[in-house]
Amino acid sequence: MASRTLVVDNGASTIKCGFADEKTYRTIPNNITRSKAERKTFVGDQLGTCKDFSGLYYRLPFEKGLLTSWDVEKQVWDRLFTGKITPCDPATTTLVISEPILNLPNIATTYDQLVFEEYGFQSYTRMSAPQMAMYNEIPRLYGQRMSSGKKRVDCALIVDSGYSFTHIVPFWKGKPILVGIRRINVGGKLLTNHLKEIISFRYWNMMDETHLVNEVKEACCYVSDNFWEELDICKKSPRANKILQHYVLPDYSMQQTGYIKGKGKAKKPKKRKNEDDMAVDNDKNGDEQILTMNNERFTVPEILFNPSDIGMEQAGIPEAIVDAISACDEEIQGMLYANVVLIGGNAKLPGFKERVTHDLRQFVPSEYEVRVGVDKDPLGYAWKGAKGLATMDEFASEFKSRLVTRAEYLESGSYLCESRFRSGV
């Protein structure tokens, strides 16, 4: 059997996986869930067979951005690597997998042990998601193309805003600048939990409805470019409030997913006698529950830019970008500001790119050009970069030099892995 390369972006919330010789990847949940209603346990992709998502209990392999529960991760990897999700023979497969940036040595060693001793892959390499993203043709994000057939820029800054955290990583000549790496402890998980608290305080208890609230967040929330003006709009009557949305909650019987009234199959929201005070309403048949989303739509994502709003003594994303670039050599600071790339699930929020660009322009000296790029699929941008590393002729020698074979591992152990993967942070 011919050797193939399996690319896995092992995120804290979802795993993006697929073979490098294929065009697309598959996304699966990176957790084990227990359904209270069905009394079943779902591992990874099995969650897709769940019929009632109310009151799900999650077991997560990642804690604060680090892989700490190997019992959970191994069960997900068993389905991933043993043919149930990606049919492959590890003995003839090269694995490219992501790891947390600045990963702890003991955790990195466990990666090596599982990959070679448990699953028996032919060879593998691991690197961070920002490192993977660097193998994309970044100038395309700004409507440009690389010259002379070159695919990778020399200098760029990757903002990885994912499930557990947001990392800002500057790169020079394909390698991360360690003194410029910054981390903000704000990610999608914190936003979802904060929205749960707001709904539970203002309306009714949804602290156990993580899956549902996350769907509401993804459907309704956006990043505001004029926070105070839109906050004033939210105080107006429903007729004059263009921000107000009505989200129809699923009943997991006739309706498996929620939707926004007035979009797609949604109907116009029914006029209520006391619309300002009501949070839940029923339609004329009494079988629709409606959640009213007002200023929650943009105040929750605002935490990414002002963590102090919830008492966190950390800088927002634009300030952290400036701080990261200021720690780098002055000669490359202009190039870093001109090649800012947003990746991760939070980059999908409407208005995210525009807000980062607007705030950066206020902080950055006028002689520097500010360009912020985001792919149409920021969640899979790292996976696509790793796919490019494994398939493009330009990176063939670099890819080969990064790999550690099983035979080499059995002879030299994790020390060899660490020395070859160190440039990927």
Protein backbone atom coordinates (compact mmCIF):
# COMPACT_ATOMS: atom_id res chain seq x y z
CA MET A 1 0.00 0.00 0.00
CA ALA A 2 1.34 3.42 -0.95
CA SER A 3 2.21 5.79 1.87
CA ARG A 4 -0.27 8.60 2.56
CA THR A 5 -0.14 11.65 4.81
CA LEU A 6 -2.90 12.24 7.36
CA VAL A 7 -3.25 15.84 8.55
CA VAL A 8 -4.91 16.40 11.93
CA ASP A 9 -5.52 19.81 13.50
CA ASN A 10 -6.22 18.59 17.02
CA GLY A 11 -8.14 21.53 18.48
CA ALA A 12 -9.52 21.76 22.01
CA SER A 13 -13.12 21.85 20.72
CA THR A 14 -13.01 20.17 17.31
CA ILE A 15 -10.61 18.04 15.30
CA LYS A 16 -10.08 18.89 11.64
CA CYS A 17 -8.77 15.80 9.88
CA GLY A 18 -8.23 14.54 6.36
CA PHE A 19 -5.61 13.12 4.01
CA ALA A 20 -3.24 15.58 2.37
CA ASP A 21 -4.11 14.29 -1.11
CA GLU A 22 -7.79 15.14 -0.61
CA LYS A 23 -9.38 18.55 -1.12
CA THR A 24 -11.49 18.74 2.02
CA TYR A 25 -11.29 17.83 5.68
CA ARG A 26 -13.76 16.48 8.19
CA THR A 27 -14.65 18.19 11.47
CA ILE A 28 -15.48 16.10 14.53
CA PRO A 29 -16.06 17.08 18.19
CA ASN A 30 -13.04 16.51 20.40
CA ASN A 31 -14.86 15.31 23.49
CA ILE A 32 -16.95 12.59 25.09
CA THR A 33 -20.54 13.57 25.82
CA ARG A 34 -23.25 12.03 27.93
CA SER A 35 -26.87 12.68 27.00
CA LYS A 36 -29.16 13.07 29.97
CA ALA A 37 -32.28 12.50 27.86
CA GLU A 38 -31.05 9.49 25.87
CA ARG A 39 -28.79 8.07 28.58
CA LYS A 40 -26.09 7.38 26.04
CA THR A 41 -22.41 8.23 25.76
CA PHE A 42 -21.07 9.64 22.51
CA VAL A 43 -17.38 9.61 21.59
CA GLY A 44 -16.21 12.22 19.10
CA ASP A 45 -18.13 11.97 15.84
CA GLN A 46 -20.84 9.80 17.46
CA LEU A 47 -22.41 13.02 18.76
CA GLY A 48 -23.87 13.44 15.30
CA THR A 49 -26.29 10.58 16.07
CA CYS A 50 -27.62 12.31 19.20
CA LYS A 51 -31.31 13.21 18.95
CA ASP A 52 -31.69 15.33 22.07
CA PHE A 53 -28.92 17.85 22.86
CA SER A 54 -30.50 19.18 26.05
CA GLY A 55 -28.48 18.80 29.23
CA LEU A 56 -25.36 17.26 27.64
CA TYR A 57 -22.49 16.48 30.01
CA TYR A 58 -19.04 17.03 28.45
CA ARG A 59 -15.73 15.37 29.19
CA LEU A 60 -12.99 17.40 27.50
CA PRO A 61 -9.39 16.33 26.87
CA PHE A 62 -8.09 19.92 26.99
CA GLU A 63 -7.91 22.10 30.09
CA LYS A 64 -6.83 25.74 29.74
CA GLY A 65 -5.45 25.00 26.29
CA LEU A 66 -3.31 21.99 27.28
CA LEU A 67 -4.05 18.33 26.62
CA THR A 68 -4.40 16.93 30.13
CA SER A 69 -6.97 14.10 29.91
CA TRP A 70 -5.34 11.42 27.80
CA ASP A 71 -8.07 8.91 28.70
CA VAL A 72 -10.62 11.06 26.86
CA GLU A 73 -8.30 11.95 23.97
CA LYS A 74 -7.29 8.35 23.38
CA GLN A 75 -10.92 7.26 23.00
CA VAL A 76 -11.45 9.98 20.38
CA TRP A 77 -8.17 9.10 18.64
CA ASP A 78 -9.13 5.41 18.64
CA ARG A 79 -12.10 6.26 16.44
CA LEU A 80 -10.01 8.65 14.37
CA PHE A 81 -7.00 6.44 13.70
CA THR A 82 -8.50 2.94 13.60
CA GLY A 83 -10.62 3.41 10.48
CA LYS A 84 -13.97 4.46 11.91
CA ILE A 85 -13.48 8.07 10.73
CA THR A 86 -10.41 8.13 8.50
CA PRO A 87 -9.70 4.66 7.05
CA CYS A 88 -5.94 4.35 7.21
CA ASP A 89 -3.20 1.86 7.98
CA PRO A 90 -0.89 3.62 10.48
CA ALA A 91 2.01 1.38 9.46
CA THR A 92 2.01 3.01 6.01
CA THR A 93 0.79 6.49 7.02
CA THR A 94 2.62 9.70 7.86
CA LEU A 95 0.88 11.79 10.52
CA VAL A 96 0.97 15.59 10.75
CA ILE A 97 -0.71 16.70 13.96
CA SER A 98 -1.10 19.99 15.79
CA GLU A 99 -0.14 20.59 19.41
CA PRO A 100 -0.64 23.57 21.77
CA ILE A 101 1.86 26.35 21.29
CA LEU A 102 4.68 26.28 23.86
CA ASN A 103 3.56 22.78 24.75
CA LEU A 104 4.86 21.30 28.01
CA PRO A 105 7.64 18.69 27.55
CA ASN A 106 5.83 15.90 29.42
CA ILE A 107 2.71 16.37 27.30
CA ALA A 108 4.76 16.45 24.10
CA THR A 109 6.46 13.19 25.08
CA THR A 110 3.06 11.54 25.54
CA TYR A 111 2.15 12.57 21.98
CA ASP A 112 5.24 10.72 20.73
CA GLN A 113 4.53 7.62 22.78
CA LEU A 114 0.93 7.28 21.63
CA VAL A 115 1.68 7.98 17.97
CA PHE A 116 4.49 5.44 17.69
CA GLU A 117 3.95 2.90 20.47
CA GLU A 118 0.14 2.76 20.62
CA TYR A 119 -0.87 3.38 17.00
CA GLY A 120 2.37 2.54 15.18
CA PHE A 121 2.47 5.31 12.57
CA GLN A 122 5.20 5.06 9.97
CA SER A 123 6.42 8.62 10.65
CA TYR A 124 5.06 11.87 12.02
CA THR A 125 5.63 15.48 12.92
CA ARG A 126 3.80 17.85 15.25
CA MET A 127 3.58 21.63 15.20
CA SER A 128 1.33 24.38 16.48
CA ALA A 129 -1.72 25.58 14.52
CA PRO A 130 -0.14 29.01 13.84
CA GLN A 131 2.92 27.22 12.42
CA MET A 132 0.62 25.20 10.15
CA ALA A 133 -1.15 28.36 8.99
CA MET A 134 2.15 29.87 7.84
CA TYR A 135 2.35 27.37 4.95
CA ASN A 136 -0.64 29.00 3.24
CA GLU A 137 -0.27 31.62 0.53
CA ILE A 138 -1.03 34.49 2.92
CA PRO A 139 -0.94 37.35 0.31
CA ARG A 140 -4.11 35.87 -1.22
CA LEU A 141 -5.96 37.12 1.87
CA TYR A 142 -5.17 40.67 0.74
CA GLY A 143 -5.97 40.11 -2.94
CA GLN A 144 -2.33 39.59 -3.92
CA ARG A 145 -0.17 36.72 -5.10
CA MET A 146 3.37 35.68 -4.29
CA SER A 147 6.03 36.30 -6.92
CA SER A 148 8.53 33.81 -8.37
CA GLY A 149 6.38 30.83 -7.47
CA LYS A 150 7.04 31.34 -3.76
CA LYS A 151 4.19 30.28 -1.52
CA ARG A 152 5.16 31.40 1.98
CA VAL A 153 5.82 34.93 3.22
CA ASP A 154 8.92 35.64 5.29
CA CYS A 155 7.14 37.68 7.91
CA ALA A 156 3.62 37.43 9.34
CA LEU A 157 1.69 37.57 12.61
CA ILE A 158 -0.88 34.85 13.31
CA VAL A 159 -3.74 35.56 15.72
CA ASP A 160 -5.19 32.20 16.75
CA SER A 161 -8.43 32.81 18.65
CA GLY A 162 -9.85 29.40 19.45
CA TYR A 163 -11.77 27.49 22.09
CA SER A 164 -9.60 27.96 25.19
CA PHE A 165 -7.45 30.99 24.47
CA THR A 166 -6.15 33.52 21.96
CA HIS A 167 -2.50 33.34 20.92
CA ILE A 168 -0.61 36.05 19.04
CA VAL A 169 2.46 34.60 17.32
CA PRO A 170 4.86 36.61 15.11
CA PHE A 171 6.92 34.69 12.54
CA TRP A 172 10.17 35.45 10.74
CA LYS A 173 11.53 33.15 8.02
CA GLY A 174 8.94 30.55 8.96
CA LYS A 175 9.98 30.38 12.61
CA PRO A 176 8.11 31.90 15.58
CA ILE A 177 9.70 34.80 17.43
CA LEU A 178 9.55 33.53 20.99
CA VAL A 179 9.86 36.92 22.71
CA GLY A 180 6.83 38.15 20.77
CA ILE A 181 4.37 35.37 21.65
CA ARG A 182 1.39 36.58 23.68
CA ARG A 183 -1.55 34.70 25.17
CA ILE A 184 -4.96 36.00 26.21
CA ASN A 185 -7.07 33.65 28.32
CA VAL A 186 -10.21 34.41 26.35
CA GLY A 187 -11.65 31.98 23.82
CA GLY A 188 -14.91 30.56 22.56
CA LYS A 189 -15.50 28.54 25.73
CA LEU A 190 -15.40 31.64 27.93
CA LEU A 191 -17.76 33.50 25.59
CA THR A 192 -20.27 30.65 25.65
CA ASN A 193 -20.08 30.34 29.44
CA HIS A 194 -20.56 34.09 29.84
CA LEU A 195 -23.60 34.01 27.59
CA LYS A 196 -25.01 31.13 29.65
CA GLU A 197 -24.66 33.23 32.79
CA ILE A 198 -26.34 36.25 31.19
CA ILE A 199 -29.30 34.21 29.91
CA SER A 200 -29.61 32.39 33.24
CA PHE A 201 -29.58 35.67 35.18
CA ARG A 202 -31.91 37.66 32.92
CA TYR A 203 -34.29 34.97 31.70
CA TRP A 204 -34.20 31.36 32.92
CA ASN A 205 -31.62 28.76 33.93
CA MET A 206 -29.58 27.47 30.98
CA MET A 207 -26.34 26.69 32.80
CA ASP A 208 -26.56 23.03 31.71
CA GLU A 209 -27.38 23.86 28.09
CA THR A 210 -23.85 24.39 26.75
CA HIS A 211 -24.60 22.97 23.31
CA LEU A 212 -27.73 25.06 22.83
CA VAL A 213 -26.19 28.31 24.07
CA ASN A 214 -23.18 27.77 21.83
CA GLU A 215 -25.54 27.48 18.86
CA VAL A 216 -27.25 30.70 19.91
CA LYS A 217 -23.87 32.43 20.16
CA GLU A 218 -22.79 31.29 16.69
CA ALA A 219 -26.12 32.28 15.14
CA CYS A 220 -26.70 35.65 16.82
CA CYS A 221 -23.47 37.17 18.14
CA TYR A 222 -21.24 39.59 16.26
CA VAL A 223 -18.44 42.06 16.95
CA SER A 224 -19.52 45.67 17.12
CA ASP A 225 -17.48 48.45 15.50
CA ASN A 226 -19.35 51.15 17.43
CA PHE A 227 -20.12 49.69 20.82
CA TRP A 228 -21.67 52.67 22.63
CA GLU A 229 -23.85 53.73 19.72
CA GLU A 230 -25.30 50.24 19.34
CA LEU A 231 -25.80 50.00 23.09
CA ASP A 232 -28.04 53.08 22.84
CA ILE A 233 -29.98 51.45 20.00
CA CYS A 234 -30.71 48.46 22.24
CA LYS A 235 -32.52 50.76 24.66
CA LYS A 236 -35.06 51.82 22.05
CA SER A 237 -38.48 50.29 21.50
CA PRO A 238 -38.59 46.98 19.60
CA ARG A 239 -39.84 48.71 16.45
CA ALA A 240 -36.81 51.03 16.35
CA ASN A 241 -34.32 48.44 17.59
CA LYS A 242 -32.58 46.95 14.53
CA ILE A 243 -30.30 44.83 16.74
CA LEU A 244 -33.07 42.87 18.44
CA GLN A 245 -33.39 39.24 17.27
CA HIS A 246 -35.72 36.43 18.21
CA TYR A 247 -34.15 32.98 18.36
CA VAL A 248 -36.57 30.06 18.20
CA LEU A 249 -35.31 27.33 20.51
CA PRO A 250 -35.41 23.70 19.32
CA ASP A 251 -37.75 21.29 21.05
CA TYR A 252 -35.68 18.22 20.00
CA SER A 253 -38.88 16.55 18.90
CA MET A 254 -40.22 18.24 15.78
CA GLN A 255 -37.38 20.78 15.58
CA GLN A 256 -33.78 19.62 16.10
CA THR A 257 -32.07 22.99 15.55
CA GLY A 258 -32.94 26.53 16.48
CA TYR A 259 -33.19 29.43 14.07
CA ILE A 260 -33.62 33.18 13.96
CA LYS A 261 -37.08 34.54 13.30
CA GLY A 262 -37.19 36.28 9.96
CA LYS A 263 -34.35 34.29 8.37
CA GLY A 264 -34.75 31.28 6.12
CA LYS A 265 -37.66 29.19 7.22
CA ALA A 266 -38.29 31.49 10.18
CA LYS A 267 -41.51 33.42 10.53
CA LYS A 268 -41.89 36.99 11.63
CA PRO A 269 -41.99 37.26 15.43
CA LYS A 270 -45.40 37.68 16.90
CA LYS A 271 -46.17 41.11 18.38
CA ARG A 272 -46.35 40.91 22.17
CA LYS A 273 -48.14 43.07 24.68
CA ASN A 274 -45.06 43.68 26.81
CA GLU A 275 -42.14 42.96 24.51
CA ASP A 276 -39.51 44.80 26.57
CA ASP A 277 -40.04 42.60 29.63
CA MET A 278 -40.71 39.28 27.96
CA ALA A 279 -37.80 36.96 27.19
CA VAL A 280 -39.77 33.91 26.14
CA ASP A 281 -42.87 33.85 23.98
CA ASN A 282 -45.05 31.35 22.21
CA ASP A 283 -46.46 31.58 18.73
CA LYS A 284 -50.15 31.48 18.03
CA ASN A 285 -50.17 27.70 18.39
CA GLY A 286 -48.23 27.85 21.64
CA ASP A 287 -45.48 25.47 20.47
CA GLU A 288 -42.52 27.83 19.92
CA GLN A 289 -40.19 29.05 22.64
CA ILE A 290 -38.43 32.25 21.68
CA LEU A 291 -35.28 33.69 23.21
CA THR A 292 -34.89 37.44 22.75
CA MET A 293 -31.31 38.46 21.97
CA ASN A 294 -30.62 42.17 22.34
CA ASN A 295 -27.35 43.72 23.56
CA GLU A 296 -26.07 40.21 24.37
CA ARG A 297 -25.36 39.87 20.67
CA PHE A 298 -22.32 42.15 20.80
CA THR A 299 -21.50 42.59 24.50
CA VAL A 300 -20.40 38.95 24.79
CA PRO A 301 -17.83 39.04 21.92
CA GLU A 302 -16.65 42.42 23.25
CA ILE A 303 -14.74 40.45 25.90
CA LEU A 304 -12.20 39.56 23.19
CA PHE A 305 -11.34 43.25 22.95
CA ASN A 306 -11.93 44.31 26.56
CA PRO A 307 -11.38 41.39 29.00
CA SER A 308 -11.54 43.92 31.83
CA ASP A 309 -15.33 44.03 31.27
CA ILE A 310 -15.54 40.80 33.25
CA GLY A 311 -12.70 41.58 35.66
CA MET A 312 -9.80 39.99 33.76
CA GLU A 313 -6.59 42.00 34.04
CA GLN A 314 -5.46 41.31 30.49
CA ALA A 315 -5.14 43.29 27.29
CA GLY A 316 -7.59 42.90 24.44
CA ILE A 317 -6.56 41.44 21.08
CA PRO A 318 -5.49 44.73 19.38
CA GLU A 319 -3.37 45.83 22.37
CA ALA A 320 -1.80 42.35 22.60
CA ILE A 321 -0.92 42.47 18.90
CA VAL A 322 0.83 45.81 19.36
CA ASP A 323 2.65 44.50 22.44
CA ALA A 324 3.77 41.37 20.58
CA ILE A 325 5.07 43.29 17.58
CA SER A 326 6.79 45.88 19.79
CA ALA A 327 8.84 43.05 21.33
CA CYS A 328 10.25 42.15 17.88
CA ASP A 329 13.09 43.87 16.02
CA GLU A 330 12.13 47.29 14.76
CA GLU A 331 13.23 46.37 11.21
CA ILE A 332 10.41 43.85 10.79
CA GLN A 333 7.62 45.56 12.72
CA GLY A 334 6.20 47.20 9.60
CA MET A 335 6.02 43.84 7.80
CA LEU A 336 4.26 42.25 10.77
CA TYR A 337 1.59 44.96 10.84
CA ALA A 338 1.09 44.45 7.10
CA ASN A 339 0.59 40.67 7.44
CA VAL A 340 -1.80 40.06 10.33
CA VAL A 341 -3.76 36.81 9.86
CA LEU A 342 -6.80 35.79 11.91
CA ILE A 343 -7.50 32.08 12.40
CA GLY A 344 -9.61 30.01 14.78
CA GLY A 345 -13.32 29.72 15.46
CA ASN A 346 -13.75 33.24 16.88
CA ALA A 347 -12.51 34.72 13.58
CA LYS A 348 -15.85 33.58 12.11
CA LEU A 349 -17.73 36.15 14.17
CA PRO A 350 -19.18 38.83 11.86
CA GLY A 351 -17.29 42.09 12.19
CA PHE A 352 -14.24 40.51 13.86
CA LYS A 353 -11.77 41.40 11.11
CA GLU A 354 -13.12 44.94 10.73
CA ARG A 355 -12.90 45.61 14.49
CA VAL A 356 -9.31 44.34 14.73
CA THR A 357 -8.35 46.51 11.74
CA HIS A 358 -10.09 49.60 13.16
CA ASP A 359 -8.57 49.28 16.64
CA LEU A 360 -5.09 48.48 15.32
CA ARG A 361 -5.11 51.56 13.13
CA GLN A 362 -5.66 53.66 16.26
CA PHE A 363 -2.67 52.12 18.06
CA VAL A 364 -0.18 51.74 15.20
CA PRO A 365 2.06 54.63 14.05
CA SER A 366 0.82 56.23 10.82
CA GLU A 367 3.95 55.30 8.85
CA TYR A 368 3.03 51.61 9.11
CA GLU A 369 0.46 49.98 6.85
CA VAL A 370 -2.10 47.85 8.67
CA ARG A 371 -3.50 44.83 6.82
CA VAL A 372 -5.64 42.21 8.51
CA GLY A 373 -6.59 39.09 6.57
CA VAL A 374 -8.98 36.26 7.30
CA ASP A 375 -9.77 33.24 5.17
CA LYS A 376 -13.35 32.35 4.27
CA ASP A 377 -12.79 29.27 6.45
CA PRO A 378 -10.62 30.46 9.38
CA LEU A 379 -11.38 27.27 11.31
CA GLY A 380 -9.68 25.09 8.68
CA TYR A 381 -6.89 27.51 7.69
CA ALA A 382 -4.28 25.70 9.79
CA TRP A 383 -5.29 22.33 8.30
CA LYS A 384 -4.98 23.71 4.78
CA GLY A 385 -1.53 25.06 5.59
CA ALA A 386 -0.34 21.68 6.86
CA LYS A 387 -1.80 20.08 3.74
CA GLY A 388 0.33 22.49 1.66
CA LEU A 389 3.44 21.57 3.64
CA ALA A 390 2.86 17.88 2.93
CA THR A 391 2.03 18.20 -0.78
CA MET A 392 3.82 21.22 -2.32
CA ASP A 393 7.18 20.65 -4.00
CA GLU A 394 8.46 23.92 -2.52
CA PHE A 395 8.23 22.46 0.99
CA ALA A 396 9.27 18.88 0.17
CA SER A 397 12.76 19.06 1.68
CA GLU A 398 11.54 20.97 4.74
CA PHE A 399 8.74 18.49 5.31
CA LYS A 400 11.11 15.55 5.04
CA SER A 401 13.56 17.13 7.49
CA ARG A 402 10.78 17.57 10.08
CA LEU A 403 9.62 13.95 10.05
CA VAL A 404 10.66 11.33 12.59
CA THR A 405 10.19 7.71 11.55
CA ARG A 406 9.10 4.96 13.91
CA ALA A 407 12.46 3.24 13.54
CA GLU A 408 14.27 6.45 14.54
CA TYR A 409 11.97 6.89 17.53
CA LEU A 410 12.53 3.34 18.75
CA GLU A 411 16.27 3.97 18.54
CA SER A 412 16.53 7.50 19.96
CA GLY A 413 13.22 8.14 21.78
CA SER A 414 11.46 11.47 22.26
CA TYR A 415 14.75 13.39 22.39
CA LEU A 416 14.98 13.17 18.60
CA CYS A 417 11.35 14.31 18.23
CA GLU A 418 11.98 17.32 20.42
CA SER A 419 15.06 18.39 18.48
CA ARG A 420 13.31 18.16 15.10
CA PHE A 421 9.99 19.66 16.15
CA ARG A 422 11.39 22.49 18.29
CA SER A 423 11.29 25.02 15.42
CA GLY A 424 7.52 24.57 15.28
CA VAL A 425 7.05 25.57 18.94
